[in-house]
Amino acid sequence: MPVVMVSPVLMLLILMIGIPSIFVTWLSLTESTLGAKSTFVGLDNYRQIFSDRIFWRAAINTFVIVNVVVYSELIIAMLLALALNCKFFGKGLIFSILIAPYAVSEVSAVVMWQYAFEPDVGTINNLLEQMFGIDFNWTRNPFQGLTLIAILSIWIHLPFTLIILYSAISTVPEDLKSAARIEGATERQVFRLVTFRIIAPAVLIALMFRYIFAMRLFSEAWLLTEGGPARLTEVLGIYLFRSAFRYFDFGPAAATGIAMQFLSLLVASFYLYRLYKGMKANG
């Protein structure tokens, strides 16, 4: 029976995802801290975080960074994938260089970028100041801090989107593109009417997974700014971390986690619905 065949995977999902999710949901309804018995408080933790201006600032920062990162990655990865789909000398080397950031740990990447953008002696900071007169002091300016977090996140995770889009573009039949050119279509029309329609499901999958992963943004922001100055560059991941491991207030931390999970599911459901509609139309 099919159910018997997939039961080991279902059991693994229940143990690794289902049970922890139930526990976190219960924890979000309690007042819980170290050395004290948990007390059921209903929705008080949700009221607490939703009335906290720092939570909403972190939510806005997360929303802005996630959208900038995801769509910038998509545009850059699409352009690179189209370029790599052409035949030229050194293509394999360039492709290896482009996906190399995925082999670098996030901690190492942050340290490298910190040195490069260090306000006083950073190489890139000196170039920006000497060539363009830009004082890029991301340690004091919240907007510049968020900008650097977004750039770093794009650099680290671009290979994920690039691999998906390049794989999809590589499968587009050349015959279809040639037929469109014979009919008088420009290269832009060939991309819009042929290539993009075929790779649209891959684009939606890339967007869905990057939204979910980006919503959990933490290490780049924490290692670069720790949410400073004055918690102005804080994201939801840092807000959750402070609640749980700085203040040991596990109830609001769990409520923040549930809110992040709900937002991720909301985004995923939208893209899954679009994928379902596309599959149904093609079927």
Protein backbone atom coordinates (compact mmCIF):
# COMPACT_ATOMS: atom_id res chain seq x y z
CA MET A 1 0.00 0.00 0.00
CA PRO A 2 1.23 3.52 -0.74
CA VAL A 3 0.63 4.64 2.86
CA VAL A 4 2.91 1.91 4.17
CA MET A 5 5.65 2.89 1.71
CA VAL A 6 5.67 6.54 2.76
CA SER A 7 5.03 5.94 6.47
CA PRO A 8 8.73 6.18 7.47
CA VAL A 9 8.95 9.64 5.90
CA LEU A 10 5.66 10.68 7.52
CA MET A 11 6.89 9.50 10.92
CA LEU A 12 10.12 11.44 10.45
CA LEU A 13 8.19 14.60 9.56
CA ILE A 14 5.94 14.17 12.59
CA LEU A 15 8.92 13.67 14.92
CA MET A 16 11.10 16.43 13.48
CA ILE A 17 8.49 19.05 12.57
CA GLY A 18 5.04 18.15 13.93
CA ILE A 19 5.85 17.58 17.60
CA PRO A 20 8.22 20.59 17.96
CA SER A 21 5.60 22.81 16.27
CA ILE A 22 2.93 21.67 18.72
CA PHE A 23 5.29 22.33 21.64
CA VAL A 24 6.17 25.83 20.41
CA THR A 25 2.48 26.61 19.90
CA TRP A 26 1.74 25.53 23.48
CA LEU A 27 4.75 27.51 24.74
CA SER A 28 3.45 30.64 23.01
CA LEU A 29 0.31 30.41 25.19
CA THR A 30 2.25 30.26 28.46
CA GLU A 31 4.37 32.46 30.65
CA SER A 32 7.62 30.54 30.79
CA THR A 33 11.17 31.29 31.93
CA LEU A 34 14.14 29.52 33.44
CA GLY A 35 13.62 28.01 36.89
CA ALA A 36 9.87 28.70 36.97
CA LYS A 37 6.83 26.60 36.23
CA SER A 38 5.03 27.45 32.99
CA THR A 39 1.70 29.22 33.46
CA PHE A 40 -1.06 29.28 30.86
CA VAL A 41 -1.80 32.90 29.82
CA GLY A 42 -3.78 32.40 26.62
CA LEU A 43 -3.12 35.03 23.98
CA ASP A 44 -1.31 37.46 26.30
CA ASN A 45 2.05 36.82 24.64
CA TYR A 46 0.61 37.70 21.24
CA ARG A 47 -0.92 40.86 22.67
CA GLN A 48 2.45 41.71 24.17
CA ILE A 49 4.47 41.38 20.99
CA PHE A 50 1.81 43.03 18.80
CA SER A 51 1.77 46.05 21.14
CA ASP A 52 5.58 46.30 21.14
CA ARG A 53 6.89 48.98 18.76
CA ILE A 54 10.25 47.19 18.55
CA PHE A 55 8.48 44.08 17.24
CA TRP A 56 6.80 46.11 14.49
CA ARG A 57 10.06 47.85 13.62
CA ALA A 58 11.71 44.42 13.35
CA ALA A 59 8.78 43.19 11.24
CA ILE A 60 9.06 46.17 8.87
CA ASN A 61 12.84 45.72 8.60
CA THR A 62 12.33 42.02 7.85
CA PHE A 63 9.65 42.75 5.23
CA VAL A 64 11.79 45.34 3.46
CA ILE A 65 15.01 43.29 3.51
CA VAL A 66 13.25 40.08 2.44
CA ASN A 67 11.59 41.72 -0.57
CA VAL A 68 14.74 43.56 -1.62
CA VAL A 69 16.85 40.42 -1.26
CA VAL A 70 14.45 37.99 -2.95
CA TYR A 71 13.61 40.11 -6.00
CA SER A 72 17.17 41.42 -6.43
CA GLU A 73 18.40 37.83 -6.34
CA LEU A 74 15.78 36.83 -8.91
CA ILE A 75 16.72 39.61 -11.36
CA ILE A 76 20.49 39.09 -11.00
CA ALA A 77 20.19 35.29 -11.18
CA MET A 78 17.96 35.53 -14.27
CA LEU A 79 20.44 37.76 -16.09
CA LEU A 80 23.36 35.54 -15.14
CA ALA A 81 21.49 32.36 -16.09
CA LEU A 82 20.63 33.79 -19.52
CA ALA A 83 24.27 34.79 -20.05
CA LEU A 84 25.57 31.41 -18.91
CA ASN A 85 23.17 29.68 -21.29
CA CYS A 86 25.31 30.97 -24.16
CA LYS A 87 28.48 29.20 -25.25
CA PHE A 88 31.73 31.05 -24.52
CA PHE A 89 35.27 30.35 -23.35
CA GLY A 90 35.70 29.91 -19.60
CA LYS A 91 32.02 29.32 -18.93
CA GLY A 92 32.70 26.53 -16.41
CA LEU A 93 35.18 28.66 -14.47
CA ILE A 94 32.81 31.64 -14.29
CA PHE A 95 29.95 29.40 -13.17
CA SER A 96 32.17 27.93 -10.44
CA ILE A 97 33.09 31.43 -9.24
CA LEU A 98 29.43 32.50 -9.16
CA ILE A 99 28.32 29.56 -7.00
CA ALA A 100 31.42 29.68 -4.76
CA PRO A 101 29.72 31.82 -2.05
CA TYR A 102 27.47 28.84 -1.27
CA ALA A 103 30.57 26.97 -0.07
CA VAL A 104 31.49 29.75 2.37
CA SER A 105 30.02 29.60 5.88
CA GLU A 106 27.88 32.58 6.84
CA VAL A 107 30.18 33.44 9.76
CA SER A 108 33.25 33.54 7.50
CA ALA A 109 31.35 35.59 4.92
CA VAL A 110 30.27 38.16 7.51
CA VAL A 111 33.84 38.51 8.83
CA MET A 112 35.16 39.07 5.29
CA TRP A 113 32.52 41.70 4.55
CA GLN A 114 33.09 43.40 7.90
CA TYR A 115 36.77 43.88 7.05
CA ALA A 116 35.96 45.04 3.52
CA PHE A 117 33.39 47.61 4.74
CA GLU A 118 35.08 48.55 8.03
CA PRO A 119 34.35 52.32 8.40
CA ASP A 120 37.97 53.37 9.07
CA VAL A 121 40.26 50.96 7.18
CA GLY A 122 37.91 48.90 4.99
CA THR A 123 39.10 48.59 1.37
CA ILE A 124 35.67 49.07 -0.21
CA ASN A 125 34.79 51.90 2.20
CA ASN A 126 37.98 53.73 1.23
CA LEU A 127 37.18 53.30 -2.47
CA LEU A 128 33.63 54.58 -1.98
CA GLU A 129 34.91 57.64 -0.14
CA GLN A 130 37.78 58.43 -2.53
CA MET A 131 35.92 57.81 -5.79
CA PHE A 132 32.36 58.87 -4.96
CA GLY A 133 32.65 60.81 -1.71
CA ILE A 134 30.31 58.37 0.06
CA ASP A 135 30.75 58.00 3.82
CA PHE A 136 29.42 54.45 4.21
CA ASN A 137 29.43 54.10 8.00
CA TRP A 138 26.97 51.24 8.48
CA THR A 139 27.77 51.00 12.21
CA ARG A 140 26.08 54.37 12.87
CA ASN A 141 23.58 54.72 10.03
CA PRO A 142 20.62 52.28 10.29
CA PHE A 143 19.73 52.59 6.58
CA GLN A 144 23.30 51.79 5.55
CA GLY A 145 23.37 48.92 8.05
CA LEU A 146 20.22 47.39 6.55
CA THR A 147 21.63 47.95 3.05
CA LEU A 148 24.81 46.04 3.91
CA ILE A 149 22.77 43.21 5.46
CA ALA A 150 20.72 42.94 2.25
CA ILE A 151 23.81 42.99 0.00
CA LEU A 152 25.51 40.32 2.10
CA SER A 153 22.42 38.11 2.08
CA ILE A 154 22.15 38.43 -1.71
CA TRP A 155 25.83 37.49 -2.14
CA ILE A 156 25.52 34.42 0.09
CA HIS A 157 22.26 33.03 -1.31
CA LEU A 158 22.43 34.06 -4.98
CA PRO A 159 23.86 30.65 -6.04
CA PHE A 160 20.67 28.90 -4.86
CA THR A 161 18.44 30.93 -7.17
CA LEU A 162 21.03 30.88 -9.96
CA ILE A 163 21.26 27.08 -10.02
CA ILE A 164 17.46 26.68 -10.17
CA LEU A 165 17.00 29.23 -12.97
CA TYR A 166 20.02 28.08 -14.98
CA SER A 167 18.79 24.47 -14.82
CA ALA A 168 15.34 25.55 -15.99
CA ILE A 169 16.62 27.74 -18.83
CA SER A 170 18.93 24.95 -20.02
CA THR A 171 15.88 22.72 -20.61
CA VAL A 172 14.09 25.18 -22.93
CA PRO A 173 14.10 23.58 -26.43
CA GLU A 174 16.13 25.58 -28.94
CA ASP A 175 13.63 24.59 -31.65
CA LEU A 176 10.90 26.67 -30.02
CA LYS A 177 13.14 29.73 -29.77
CA SER A 178 14.31 29.30 -33.35
CA ALA A 179 10.72 29.01 -34.56
CA ALA A 180 9.83 32.21 -32.73
CA ARG A 181 12.77 34.04 -34.33
CA ILE A 182 11.74 32.80 -37.78
CA GLU A 183 8.27 34.24 -37.13
CA GLY A 184 9.92 37.61 -36.56
CA ALA A 185 10.08 37.73 -32.77
CA THR A 186 12.82 39.82 -31.17
CA GLU A 187 15.09 38.35 -28.49
CA ARG A 188 13.04 40.14 -25.83
CA GLN A 189 9.83 38.62 -27.22
CA VAL A 190 11.45 35.19 -27.41
CA PHE A 191 12.32 35.43 -23.73
CA ARG A 192 8.90 36.75 -22.70
CA LEU A 193 6.70 34.51 -24.86
CA VAL A 194 8.75 31.29 -24.95
CA THR A 195 11.52 31.03 -22.36
CA PHE A 196 9.77 32.68 -19.42
CA ARG A 197 6.52 30.75 -19.92
CA ILE A 198 8.41 27.46 -19.80
CA ILE A 199 10.54 28.35 -16.77
CA ALA A 200 7.71 30.08 -14.85
CA PRO A 201 7.18 27.11 -12.46
CA ALA A 202 10.91 27.09 -11.62
CA VAL A 203 10.77 30.85 -10.98
CA LEU A 204 7.83 30.40 -8.60
CA ILE A 205 9.62 27.58 -6.76
CA ALA A 206 12.76 29.71 -6.40
CA LEU A 207 10.72 32.65 -5.11
CA MET A 208 8.78 30.49 -2.65
CA PHE A 209 11.84 28.85 -1.11
CA ARG A 210 13.84 32.08 -0.98
CA TYR A 211 10.95 33.88 0.73
CA ILE A 212 10.73 31.14 3.35
CA PHE A 213 14.50 31.04 3.91
CA ALA A 214 14.85 34.84 3.90
CA MET A 215 12.07 35.21 6.46
CA ARG A 216 14.37 33.40 8.90
CA LEU A 217 17.10 36.01 8.37
CA PHE A 218 19.30 36.09 11.45
CA SER A 219 23.03 35.38 11.17
CA GLU A 220 23.85 38.16 8.68
CA ALA A 221 22.04 40.80 10.74
CA TRP A 222 23.21 39.54 14.13
CA LEU A 223 26.87 39.12 13.23
CA LEU A 224 27.03 42.47 11.42
CA THR A 225 25.06 44.85 13.65
CA GLU A 226 23.39 42.81 16.45
CA GLY A 227 20.33 44.92 15.66
CA GLY A 228 22.10 48.18 16.46
CA PRO A 229 22.36 51.05 16.66
CA ALA A 230 19.52 51.32 19.20
CA ARG A 231 17.83 48.18 17.77
CA LEU A 232 17.08 50.09 14.54
CA THR A 233 18.42 47.31 12.28
CA GLU A 234 16.74 44.52 14.23
CA VAL A 235 14.87 41.82 12.32
CA LEU A 236 12.35 39.28 13.61
CA GLY A 237 15.02 36.61 14.03
CA ILE A 238 17.01 38.88 16.34
CA TYR A 239 13.84 39.92 18.21
CA LEU A 240 13.09 36.23 18.85
CA PHE A 241 16.70 35.55 19.89
CA ARG A 242 16.73 38.42 22.40
CA SER A 243 13.43 37.33 23.93
CA ALA A 244 14.51 33.71 24.30
CA PHE A 245 18.23 33.85 25.07
CA ARG A 246 18.83 37.31 26.49
CA TYR A 247 15.68 37.86 28.55
CA PHE A 248 14.71 34.15 28.86
CA ASP A 249 11.11 35.12 28.14
CA PHE A 250 10.15 32.01 26.21
CA GLY A 251 6.44 32.79 25.76
CA PRO A 252 6.86 35.93 23.60
CA ALA A 253 9.78 34.26 21.80
CA ALA A 254 7.55 31.32 20.87
CA ALA A 255 4.77 33.71 19.82
CA THR A 256 7.24 35.52 17.57
CA GLY A 257 8.24 32.18 16.04
CA ILE A 258 4.60 31.30 15.36
CA ALA A 259 4.06 34.71 13.74
CA MET A 260 7.10 34.15 11.50
CA GLN A 261 5.85 30.67 10.63
CA PHE A 262 2.41 32.04 9.76
CA LEU A 263 3.95 34.66 7.44
CA SER A 264 6.08 31.98 5.74
CA LEU A 265 3.05 29.73 5.24
CA LEU A 266 1.07 32.68 3.87
CA VAL A 267 3.75 33.38 1.29
CA ALA A 268 4.16 29.69 0.46
CA SER A 269 0.41 29.19 0.01
CA PHE A 270 0.27 32.04 -2.52
CA TYR A 271 3.06 30.59 -4.68
CA LEU A 272 1.74 27.04 -4.31
CA TYR A 273 -1.65 28.26 -5.52
CA ARG A 274 -0.04 29.90 -8.53
CA LEU A 275 1.87 26.69 -9.28
CA TYR A 276 -1.35 24.66 -8.98
CA LYS A 277 -3.20 26.99 -11.34
CA GLY A 278 -0.35 26.78 -13.85
CA MET A 279 -0.24 22.98 -13.71
CA LYS A 280 -4.02 22.76 -14.06
CA ALA A 281 -3.99 25.10 -17.05
CA ASN A 282 -1.20 23.13 -18.73
CA GLY A 283 -2.99 19.87 -17.95
